[in-house]
Amino acid sequence: MSRVGKNPIPIPSGVTVQISPDAVEVKGPKGTLRQPLPPGILIEMADGRLEARPEREDRALGKFHGLARSLVANAVTGVTEGFKKELDIVGIGYRAEVAGQKLTLALGYSHPVIFEIPKGVGVKVDKQTHLIVSGVDRQSVGQVAANIRNLRKPDPYKQKGIRYTGEVLKRKVGKTGA
């Protein structure tokens, strides 16, 4: 049995949960999420909490047990609080601006880079060099933040590029003259 899967998921007030055999639909103040479940895992409602359990006692279902519980817990957190990732743009002349569903970035290339913002994810720009990617779905927020970061990965030598807020770049060890 999975230790993560054994933990119950508390349901805050204002959140409704629809459980079907293959998915869980969570509705809250920030939106609706439908989370498909891995095969062999059941989600049950018990006195205001959700509990995940495997259909049968099988060692191979242990990893899916914890996965299913985590995915449903992320859906509940997403519709109540939401998720966000923060990015910093570091470099002379590097900046960003949002117009509608397009993010325009000046990243030292000969042309501006235009990034299409997918539905369900919001991008806000503070001070032209600080991006906040937010949304209800944890996976899509993380993927959009990673895609934006990949437009100009941080350089460990010049310390320029797009990085997560608080990310520390390790400088590679140089050759020694011994």
N, C-alpha and C. Protein backbone atom coordinates (compact mmCIF):
# COMPACT_ATOMS: atom_id res chain seq x y z
N MET A 1 0.84 -1.19 0.00
CA MET A 1 0.00 0.00 0.00
C MET A 1 0.88 1.24 0.00
N SER A 2 0.40 2.26 -0.65
CA SER A 2 1.13 3.51 -0.73
C SER A 2 0.88 4.36 0.51
N ARG A 3 1.94 4.95 1.04
CA ARG A 3 1.78 5.84 2.21
C ARG A 3 1.07 7.12 1.81
N VAL A 4 1.39 7.62 0.63
CA VAL A 4 0.72 8.84 0.14
C VAL A 4 -0.75 8.55 -0.11
N GLY A 5 -1.04 7.41 -0.69
CA GLY A 5 -2.42 7.06 -1.03
C GLY A 5 -3.32 6.87 0.17
N LYS A 6 -2.75 6.56 1.33
CA LYS A 6 -3.56 6.35 2.53
C LYS A 6 -4.12 7.64 3.11
N ASN A 7 -3.49 8.78 2.83
CA ASN A 7 -3.93 10.05 3.40
C ASN A 7 -5.26 10.48 2.79
N PRO A 8 -6.23 10.85 3.61
CA PRO A 8 -7.50 11.34 3.07
C PRO A 8 -7.35 12.76 2.52
N ILE A 9 -8.23 13.14 1.60
CA ILE A 9 -8.21 14.47 0.99
C ILE A 9 -9.38 15.26 1.58
N PRO A 10 -9.12 16.29 2.38
CA PRO A 10 -10.22 17.09 2.92
C PRO A 10 -10.85 17.93 1.81
N ILE A 11 -12.19 18.06 1.86
CA ILE A 11 -12.90 18.85 0.86
C ILE A 11 -13.35 20.15 1.53
N PRO A 12 -12.82 21.30 1.08
CA PRO A 12 -13.22 22.57 1.67
C PRO A 12 -14.67 22.93 1.31
N SER A 13 -15.23 23.87 2.05
CA SER A 13 -16.60 24.29 1.74
C SER A 13 -16.61 25.03 0.40
N GLY A 14 -17.67 24.87 -0.35
CA GLY A 14 -17.79 25.50 -1.67
C GLY A 14 -17.26 24.63 -2.80
N VAL A 15 -16.82 23.44 -2.48
CA VAL A 15 -16.29 22.52 -3.50
C VAL A 15 -17.22 21.32 -3.60
N THR A 16 -17.62 21.00 -4.84
CA THR A 16 -18.45 19.82 -5.07
C THR A 16 -17.64 18.81 -5.88
N VAL A 17 -17.87 17.54 -5.58
CA VAL A 17 -17.11 16.47 -6.22
C VAL A 17 -18.08 15.47 -6.84
N GLN A 18 -17.89 15.16 -8.12
CA GLN A 18 -18.66 14.12 -8.81
C GLN A 18 -17.69 12.96 -9.08
N ILE A 19 -18.02 11.79 -8.58
CA ILE A 19 -17.14 10.64 -8.75
C ILE A 19 -17.76 9.68 -9.74
N SER A 20 -17.02 9.34 -10.80
CA SER A 20 -17.43 8.31 -11.75
C SER A 20 -16.36 7.23 -11.71
N PRO A 21 -16.61 6.05 -12.30
CA PRO A 21 -15.63 4.96 -12.20
C PRO A 21 -14.25 5.28 -12.78
N ASP A 22 -14.20 6.15 -13.79
CA ASP A 22 -12.91 6.40 -14.45
C ASP A 22 -12.37 7.81 -14.23
N ALA A 23 -13.12 8.69 -13.55
CA ALA A 23 -12.65 10.07 -13.37
C ALA A 23 -13.33 10.71 -12.16
N VAL A 24 -12.75 11.81 -11.73
CA VAL A 24 -13.31 12.62 -10.65
C VAL A 24 -13.42 14.05 -11.18
N GLU A 25 -14.62 14.63 -11.05
CA GLU A 25 -14.83 16.01 -11.48
C GLU A 25 -14.99 16.88 -10.24
N VAL A 26 -14.15 17.91 -10.16
CA VAL A 26 -14.13 18.79 -8.99
C VAL A 26 -14.53 20.19 -9.44
N LYS A 27 -15.55 20.77 -8.79
CA LYS A 27 -16.00 22.12 -9.08
C LYS A 27 -15.78 22.99 -7.86
N GLY A 28 -15.22 24.18 -8.08
CA GLY A 28 -14.95 25.09 -6.98
C GLY A 28 -15.09 26.53 -7.42
N PRO A 29 -14.72 27.46 -6.58
CA PRO A 29 -14.87 28.88 -6.91
C PRO A 29 -14.00 29.34 -8.08
N LYS A 30 -12.88 28.70 -8.33
CA LYS A 30 -12.00 29.12 -9.42
C LYS A 30 -12.24 28.40 -10.74
N GLY A 31 -13.06 27.33 -10.74
CA GLY A 31 -13.32 26.63 -11.98
C GLY A 31 -13.64 25.16 -11.75
N THR A 32 -13.58 24.41 -12.86
CA THR A 32 -13.89 22.99 -12.84
C THR A 32 -12.72 22.21 -13.42
N LEU A 33 -12.40 21.09 -12.80
CA LEU A 33 -11.35 20.20 -13.30
C LEU A 33 -11.89 18.78 -13.35
N ARG A 34 -11.57 18.07 -14.43
CA ARG A 34 -11.92 16.65 -14.54
C ARG A 34 -10.62 15.88 -14.55
N GLN A 35 -10.42 15.04 -13.53
CA GLN A 35 -9.18 14.30 -13.39
C GLN A 35 -9.42 12.82 -13.67
N PRO A 36 -8.88 12.29 -14.78
CA PRO A 36 -9.00 10.85 -15.04
C PRO A 36 -8.22 10.05 -13.99
N LEU A 37 -8.71 8.87 -13.68
CA LEU A 37 -8.07 8.02 -12.68
C LEU A 37 -7.33 6.88 -13.35
N PRO A 38 -6.20 6.45 -12.77
CA PRO A 38 -5.51 5.28 -13.31
C PRO A 38 -6.38 4.03 -13.11
N PRO A 39 -6.24 3.05 -13.99
CA PRO A 39 -7.05 1.83 -13.83
C PRO A 39 -6.69 1.10 -12.55
N GLY A 40 -7.71 0.57 -11.88
CA GLY A 40 -7.49 -0.21 -10.67
C GLY A 40 -7.57 0.59 -9.39
N ILE A 41 -7.86 1.89 -9.48
CA ILE A 41 -7.93 2.74 -8.29
C ILE A 41 -9.34 3.31 -8.17
N LEU A 42 -9.89 3.27 -6.96
CA LEU A 42 -11.22 3.81 -6.69
C LEU A 42 -11.09 5.00 -5.75
N ILE A 43 -11.91 6.01 -5.98
CA ILE A 43 -12.00 7.17 -5.09
C ILE A 43 -13.38 7.13 -4.45
N GLU A 44 -13.42 7.24 -3.13
CA GLU A 44 -14.69 7.17 -2.41
C GLU A 44 -14.85 8.38 -1.51
N MET A 45 -16.10 8.80 -1.32
CA MET A 45 -16.42 9.90 -0.42
C MET A 45 -16.77 9.31 0.94
N ALA A 46 -16.11 9.79 2.00
CA ALA A 46 -16.38 9.31 3.35
C ALA A 46 -16.33 10.50 4.32
N ASP A 47 -17.45 10.82 4.92
CA ASP A 47 -17.66 11.93 5.87
C ASP A 47 -16.87 13.20 5.52
N GLY A 48 -17.15 13.76 4.33
CA GLY A 48 -16.56 15.03 3.93
C GLY A 48 -15.13 14.95 3.46
N ARG A 49 -14.63 13.74 3.24
CA ARG A 49 -13.26 13.57 2.76
C ARG A 49 -13.25 12.55 1.63
N LEU A 50 -12.27 12.69 0.76
CA LEU A 50 -12.08 11.72 -0.32
C LEU A 50 -10.98 10.76 0.08
N GLU A 51 -11.19 9.49 -0.22
CA GLU A 51 -10.17 8.49 0.08
C GLU A 51 -9.93 7.64 -1.17
N ALA A 52 -8.67 7.39 -1.46
CA ALA A 52 -8.29 6.55 -2.59
C ALA A 52 -7.96 5.16 -2.07
N ARG A 53 -8.37 4.15 -2.83
CA ARG A 53 -8.02 2.79 -2.46
C ARG A 53 -7.93 1.93 -3.72
N PRO A 54 -7.05 0.94 -3.72
CA PRO A 54 -6.95 0.04 -4.87
C PRO A 54 -8.13 -0.92 -4.91
N GLU A 55 -8.50 -1.36 -6.11
CA GLU A 55 -9.61 -2.31 -6.27
C GLU A 55 -9.30 -3.65 -5.61
N ARG A 56 -8.03 -4.05 -5.70
CA ARG A 56 -7.62 -5.34 -5.13
C ARG A 56 -6.24 -5.16 -4.49
N GLU A 57 -5.89 -6.07 -3.64
CA GLU A 57 -4.58 -6.02 -3.00
C GLU A 57 -3.54 -6.54 -3.98
N ASP A 58 -2.89 -5.62 -4.65
CA ASP A 58 -1.88 -5.98 -5.63
C ASP A 58 -0.71 -5.00 -5.46
N ARG A 59 0.48 -5.53 -5.36
CA ARG A 59 1.66 -4.69 -5.14
C ARG A 59 1.88 -3.71 -6.30
N ALA A 60 1.52 -4.10 -7.50
CA ALA A 60 1.71 -3.24 -8.67
C ALA A 60 0.79 -2.02 -8.65
N LEU A 61 -0.30 -2.07 -7.90
CA LEU A 61 -1.22 -0.93 -7.84
C LEU A 61 -0.78 0.13 -6.82
N GLY A 62 0.25 -0.15 -6.05
CA GLY A 62 0.71 0.78 -5.03
C GLY A 62 1.13 2.12 -5.60
N LYS A 63 1.87 2.10 -6.71
CA LYS A 63 2.33 3.36 -7.30
C LYS A 63 1.16 4.17 -7.86
N PHE A 64 0.17 3.49 -8.41
CA PHE A 64 -0.99 4.20 -8.95
C PHE A 64 -1.89 4.72 -7.83
N HIS A 65 -1.85 4.05 -6.69
CA HIS A 65 -2.64 4.47 -5.54
C HIS A 65 -2.22 5.87 -5.08
N GLY A 66 -0.93 6.06 -4.87
CA GLY A 66 -0.41 7.37 -4.48
C GLY A 66 -0.58 8.41 -5.57
N LEU A 67 -0.39 8.01 -6.82
CA LEU A 67 -0.55 8.92 -7.95
C LEU A 67 -1.97 9.45 -8.03
N ALA A 68 -2.95 8.56 -7.94
CA ALA A 68 -4.35 8.96 -8.04
C ALA A 68 -4.71 9.92 -6.91
N ARG A 69 -4.26 9.62 -5.71
CA ARG A 69 -4.55 10.50 -4.57
C ARG A 69 -3.94 11.88 -4.78
N SER A 70 -2.70 11.94 -5.27
CA SER A 70 -2.04 13.22 -5.50
C SER A 70 -2.73 14.03 -6.58
N LEU A 71 -3.14 13.37 -7.67
CA LEU A 71 -3.81 14.07 -8.76
C LEU A 71 -5.14 14.67 -8.31
N VAL A 72 -5.91 13.92 -7.55
CA VAL A 72 -7.20 14.42 -7.07
C VAL A 72 -6.98 15.54 -6.04
N ALA A 73 -5.98 15.39 -5.18
CA ALA A 73 -5.67 16.44 -4.20
C ALA A 73 -5.25 17.73 -4.91
N ASN A 74 -4.48 17.62 -5.99
CA ASN A 74 -4.08 18.80 -6.77
C ASN A 74 -5.29 19.45 -7.42
N ALA A 75 -6.25 18.65 -7.87
CA ALA A 75 -7.46 19.21 -8.47
C ALA A 75 -8.26 19.99 -7.43
N VAL A 76 -8.38 19.44 -6.22
CA VAL A 76 -9.11 20.13 -5.16
C VAL A 76 -8.40 21.43 -4.78
N THR A 77 -7.09 21.40 -4.65
CA THR A 77 -6.33 22.61 -4.34
C THR A 77 -6.43 23.63 -5.47
N GLY A 78 -6.41 23.16 -6.71
CA GLY A 78 -6.47 24.05 -7.87
C GLY A 78 -7.77 24.83 -7.95
N VAL A 79 -8.91 24.18 -7.71
CA VAL A 79 -10.19 24.88 -7.83
C VAL A 79 -10.47 25.78 -6.62
N THR A 80 -9.73 25.61 -5.53
CA THR A 80 -9.94 26.49 -4.38
C THR A 80 -8.91 27.62 -4.34
N GLU A 81 -7.63 27.31 -4.45
CA GLU A 81 -6.58 28.31 -4.32
C GLU A 81 -5.92 28.64 -5.66
N GLY A 82 -5.77 27.67 -6.54
CA GLY A 82 -5.05 27.86 -7.78
C GLY A 82 -3.56 27.61 -7.57
N PHE A 83 -2.83 27.59 -8.67
CA PHE A 83 -1.39 27.38 -8.63
C PHE A 83 -0.70 28.51 -9.38
N LYS A 84 0.54 28.81 -8.99
CA LYS A 84 1.30 29.83 -9.71
C LYS A 84 2.78 29.50 -9.70
N LYS A 85 3.44 29.91 -10.76
CA LYS A 85 4.89 29.80 -10.89
C LYS A 85 5.39 31.19 -11.25
N GLU A 86 6.51 31.57 -10.66
CA GLU A 86 7.07 32.89 -10.94
C GLU A 86 8.40 32.73 -11.66
N LEU A 87 8.60 33.58 -12.67
CA LEU A 87 9.81 33.56 -13.48
C LEU A 87 10.44 34.94 -13.47
N ASP A 88 11.76 34.99 -13.50
CA ASP A 88 12.50 36.25 -13.60
C ASP A 88 13.25 36.27 -14.92
N ILE A 89 13.23 37.42 -15.58
CA ILE A 89 13.98 37.60 -16.82
C ILE A 89 15.19 38.46 -16.46
N VAL A 90 16.39 37.92 -16.69
CA VAL A 90 17.63 38.60 -16.31
C VAL A 90 18.46 38.83 -17.57
N GLY A 91 18.83 40.08 -17.81
CA GLY A 91 19.67 40.42 -18.96
C GLY A 91 19.40 41.84 -19.41
N ILE A 92 20.38 42.49 -19.95
CA ILE A 92 20.23 43.87 -20.40
C ILE A 92 19.33 43.88 -21.64
N GLY A 93 18.27 44.65 -21.57
CA GLY A 93 17.33 44.76 -22.69
C GLY A 93 16.30 43.65 -22.75
N TYR A 94 16.36 42.70 -21.85
CA TYR A 94 15.38 41.61 -21.82
C TYR A 94 14.12 42.11 -21.12
N ARG A 95 12.96 41.91 -21.75
CA ARG A 95 11.71 42.33 -21.15
C ARG A 95 10.55 41.55 -21.75
N ALA A 96 9.40 41.69 -21.12
CA ALA A 96 8.20 40.98 -21.57
C ALA A 96 6.99 41.88 -21.45
N GLU A 97 5.98 41.60 -22.29
CA GLU A 97 4.70 42.29 -22.18
C GLU A 97 3.60 41.37 -22.70
N VAL A 98 2.42 41.50 -22.10
CA VAL A 98 1.28 40.67 -22.47
C VAL A 98 0.26 41.53 -23.20
N ALA A 99 -0.23 41.03 -24.34
CA ALA A 99 -1.30 41.68 -25.09
C ALA A 99 -2.30 40.60 -25.47
N GLY A 100 -3.43 40.56 -24.77
CA GLY A 100 -4.44 39.54 -25.04
C GLY A 100 -3.93 38.18 -24.61
N GLN A 101 -3.91 37.23 -25.53
CA GLN A 101 -3.43 35.87 -25.25
C GLN A 101 -2.03 35.66 -25.83
N LYS A 102 -1.27 36.75 -26.02
CA LYS A 102 0.09 36.63 -26.55
C LYS A 102 1.07 37.29 -25.60
N LEU A 103 2.16 36.59 -25.36
CA LEU A 103 3.25 37.10 -24.55
C LEU A 103 4.39 37.43 -25.50
N THR A 104 4.80 38.71 -25.53
CA THR A 104 5.88 39.14 -26.40
C THR A 104 7.13 39.35 -25.54
N LEU A 105 8.20 38.66 -25.92
CA LEU A 105 9.44 38.69 -25.15
C LEU A 105 10.59 39.24 -26.00
N ALA A 106 11.36 40.15 -25.45
CA ALA A 106 12.61 40.59 -26.06
C ALA A 106 13.73 39.91 -25.28
N LEU A 107 14.40 38.95 -25.93
CA LEU A 107 15.37 38.12 -25.23
C LEU A 107 16.77 38.16 -25.85
N GLY A 108 17.09 39.26 -26.50
CA GLY A 108 18.42 39.40 -27.07
C GLY A 108 18.57 38.79 -28.45
N TYR A 109 17.49 38.26 -29.00
CA TYR A 109 17.53 37.75 -30.36
C TYR A 109 17.30 38.92 -31.33
N SER A 110 17.44 38.67 -32.63
CA SER A 110 17.24 39.73 -33.62
C SER A 110 15.76 40.06 -33.82
N HIS A 111 14.88 39.30 -33.20
CA HIS A 111 13.44 39.49 -33.36
C HIS A 111 12.74 39.26 -32.00
N PRO A 112 11.58 39.84 -31.82
CA PRO A 112 10.84 39.54 -30.59
C PRO A 112 10.25 38.13 -30.67
N VAL A 113 10.22 37.45 -29.53
CA VAL A 113 9.67 36.10 -29.45
C VAL A 113 8.22 36.22 -28.99
N ILE A 114 7.29 35.63 -29.76
CA ILE A 114 5.87 35.68 -29.42
C ILE A 114 5.45 34.30 -28.93
N PHE A 115 4.89 34.25 -27.72
CA PHE A 115 4.47 33.00 -27.10
C PHE A 115 2.95 33.04 -26.93
N GLU A 116 2.26 32.05 -27.50
CA GLU A 116 0.80 31.94 -27.37
C GLU A 116 0.47 31.38 -25.99
N ILE A 117 -0.35 32.09 -25.23
CA ILE A 117 -0.75 31.63 -23.90
C ILE A 117 -1.96 30.71 -24.05
N PRO A 118 -1.87 29.46 -23.60
CA PRO A 118 -3.01 28.55 -23.75
C PRO A 118 -4.18 28.93 -22.85
N LYS A 119 -5.37 28.43 -23.22
CA LYS A 119 -6.57 28.70 -22.41
C LYS A 119 -6.42 28.03 -21.05
N GLY A 120 -6.97 28.66 -20.04
CA GLY A 120 -6.91 28.10 -18.69
C GLY A 120 -5.68 28.51 -17.91
N VAL A 121 -4.77 29.23 -18.56
CA VAL A 121 -3.55 29.69 -17.90
C VAL A 121 -3.44 31.20 -18.10
N GLY A 122 -3.12 31.91 -17.03
CA GLY A 122 -2.94 33.35 -17.12
C GLY A 122 -1.50 33.73 -16.88
N VAL A 123 -1.04 34.73 -17.61
CA VAL A 123 0.32 35.23 -17.44
C VAL A 123 0.24 36.72 -17.15
N LYS A 124 0.88 37.14 -16.07
CA LYS A 124 0.90 38.54 -15.67
C LYS A 124 2.35 39.00 -15.63
N VAL A 125 2.61 40.22 -16.09
CA VAL A 125 3.97 40.76 -16.12
C VAL A 125 4.08 41.89 -15.11
N ASP A 126 5.05 41.78 -14.20
CA ASP A 126 5.36 42.85 -13.25
C ASP A 126 6.72 43.42 -13.60
N LYS A 127 6.81 44.74 -13.70
CA LYS A 127 8.08 45.44 -13.93
C LYS A 127 8.83 44.96 -15.17
N GLN A 128 8.17 44.44 -16.15
CA GLN A 128 8.72 43.98 -17.43
C GLN A 128 9.70 42.81 -17.31
N THR A 129 10.15 42.47 -16.11
CA THR A 129 11.12 41.38 -15.99
C THR A 129 10.69 40.30 -15.01
N HIS A 130 9.46 40.36 -14.53
CA HIS A 130 8.97 39.35 -13.59
C HIS A 130 7.64 38.83 -14.11
N LEU A 131 7.58 37.51 -14.39
CA LEU A 131 6.37 36.89 -14.92
C LEU A 131 5.72 36.04 -13.84
N ILE A 132 4.38 36.06 -13.80
CA ILE A 132 3.64 35.20 -12.91
C ILE A 132 2.68 34.37 -13.76
N VAL A 133 2.92 33.06 -13.82
CA VAL A 133 2.07 32.13 -14.56
C VAL A 133 1.13 31.50 -13.54
N SER A 134 -0.19 31.63 -13.76
CA SER A 134 -1.14 31.10 -12.79
C SER A 134 -2.28 30.40 -13.50
N GLY A 135 -2.94 29.50 -12.76
CA GLY A 135 -4.07 28.77 -13.30
C GLY A 135 -4.59 27.75 -12.31
N VAL A 136 -5.58 26.99 -12.76
CA VAL A 136 -6.25 26.01 -11.92
C VAL A 136 -5.54 24.66 -11.99
N ASP A 137 -5.06 24.28 -13.16
CA ASP A 137 -4.45 22.98 -13.38
C ASP A 137 -2.94 23.05 -13.13
N ARG A 138 -2.47 22.29 -12.16
CA ARG A 138 -1.06 22.34 -11.78
C ARG A 138 -0.15 21.91 -12.93
N GLN A 139 -0.55 20.89 -13.67
CA GLN A 139 0.29 20.38 -14.75
C GLN A 139 0.44 21.41 -15.87
N SER A 140 -0.65 22.07 -16.25
CA SER A 140 -0.56 23.04 -17.35
C SER A 140 0.21 24.29 -16.92
N VAL A 141 0.07 24.73 -15.67
CA VAL A 141 0.82 25.88 -15.19
C VAL A 141 2.32 25.58 -15.22
N GLY A 142 2.71 24.41 -14.73
CA GLY A 142 4.12 24.03 -14.75
C GLY A 142 4.68 23.87 -16.15
N GLN A 143 3.86 23.32 -17.06
CA GLN A 143 4.32 23.13 -18.44
C GLN A 143 4.49 24.46 -19.16
N VAL A 144 3.57 25.39 -18.97
CA VAL A 144 3.68 26.71 -19.61
C VAL A 144 4.90 27.44 -19.07
N ALA A 145 5.13 27.38 -17.75
CA ALA A 145 6.31 28.02 -17.16
C ALA A 145 7.60 27.41 -17.72
N ALA A 146 7.62 26.08 -17.88
CA ALA A 146 8.81 25.42 -18.44
C ALA A 146 9.02 25.79 -19.91
N ASN A 147 7.92 25.92 -20.66
CA ASN A 147 8.04 26.31 -22.07
C ASN A 147 8.57 27.74 -22.21
N ILE A 148 8.11 28.65 -21.34
CA ILE A 148 8.61 30.02 -21.38
C ILE A 148 10.09 30.04 -20.99
N ARG A 149 10.47 29.27 -19.99
CA ARG A 149 11.87 29.21 -19.55
C ARG A 149 12.77 28.69 -20.67
N ASN A 150 12.25 27.74 -21.46
CA ASN A 150 13.05 27.15 -22.54
C ASN A 150 13.30 28.12 -23.70
N LEU A 151 12.59 29.24 -23.75
CA LEU A 151 12.83 30.22 -24.81
C LEU A 151 14.21 30.85 -24.69
N ARG A 152 14.70 30.98 -23.45
CA ARG A 152 16.07 31.46 -23.21
C ARG A 152 16.51 30.91 -21.87
N LYS A 153 17.08 29.70 -21.90
CA LYS A 153 17.51 29.05 -20.66
C LYS A 153 18.57 29.89 -19.96
N PRO A 154 18.60 29.84 -18.64
CA PRO A 154 19.60 30.64 -17.93
C PRO A 154 21.02 30.13 -18.19
N ASP A 155 21.91 31.06 -18.43
CA ASP A 155 23.31 30.74 -18.71
C ASP A 155 24.09 30.79 -17.39
N PRO A 156 24.75 29.69 -17.01
CA PRO A 156 25.45 29.71 -15.71
C PRO A 156 26.66 30.64 -15.68
N TYR A 157 27.20 31.02 -16.83
CA TYR A 157 28.38 31.87 -16.85
C TYR A 157 28.03 33.35 -16.83
N LYS A 158 27.15 33.77 -17.71
CA LYS A 158 26.77 35.18 -17.78
C LYS A 158 25.61 35.53 -16.87
N GLN A 159 24.95 34.50 -16.29
CA GLN A 159 23.82 34.70 -15.39
C GLN A 159 22.64 35.39 -16.08
N LYS A 160 22.49 35.18 -17.39
CA LYS A 160 21.40 35.79 -18.15
C LYS A 160 20.40 34.71 -18.56
N GLY A 161 19.18 35.13 -18.84
CA GLY A 161 18.15 34.22 -19.33
C GLY A 161 16.89 34.28 -18.48
N ILE A 162 16.00 33.33 -18.68
CA ILE A 162 14.75 33.24 -17.92
C ILE A 162 14.92 32.13 -16.90
N ARG A 163 14.68 32.44 -15.63
CA ARG A 163 14.81 31.44 -14.58
C ARG A 163 13.63 31.55 -13.62
N TYR A 164 13.40 30.47 -12.89
CA TYR A 164 12.38 30.49 -11.85
C TYR A 164 12.85 31.41 -10.74
N THR A 165 11.91 32.09 -10.09
CA THR A 165 12.27 32.95 -8.96
C THR A 165 12.87 32.10 -7.85
N GLY A 166 14.04 32.48 -7.42
CA GLY A 166 14.73 31.74 -6.37
C GLY A 166 15.64 30.64 -6.89
N GLU A 167 15.66 30.39 -8.19
CA GLU A 167 16.51 29.35 -8.75
C GLU A 167 17.97 29.78 -8.66
N VAL A 168 18.82 28.89 -8.20
CA VAL A 168 20.24 29.18 -8.07
C VAL A 168 20.97 28.44 -9.18
N LEU A 169 21.75 29.20 -9.95
CA LEU A 169 22.50 28.59 -11.04
C LEU A 169 23.87 28.17 -10.53
N LYS A 170 24.22 26.90 -10.75
CA LYS A 170 25.52 26.42 -10.34
C LYS A 170 26.51 26.65 -11.46
N ARG A 171 27.61 27.25 -11.10
CA ARG A 171 28.64 27.49 -12.06
C ARG A 171 29.51 26.24 -12.17
N LYS A 172 29.82 25.84 -13.39
CA LYS A 172 30.60 24.64 -13.60
C LYS A 172 32.05 24.89 -13.19
N VAL A 173 32.68 23.85 -12.69
CA VAL A 173 34.08 23.95 -12.25
C VAL A 173 34.98 24.00 -13.48
N GLY A 174 35.91 24.94 -13.46
CA GLY A 174 36.83 25.08 -14.58
C GLY A 174 38.00 24.13 -14.46
N LYS A 175 38.88 24.12 -15.47
CA LYS A 175 40.05 23.26 -15.43
C LYS A 175 41.09 23.86 -14.48
N THR A 176 41.84 22.99 -13.86
CA THR A 176 42.91 23.45 -12.98
C THR A 176 44.24 23.35 -13.73
N GLY A 177 45.17 24.21 -13.39
CA GLY A 177 46.45 24.24 -14.09
C GLY A 177 47.50 23.33 -13.47
N ALA A 178 47.11 22.31 -12.77
CA ALA A 178 48.07 21.44 -12.09
C ALA A 178 48.65 20.39 -12.96
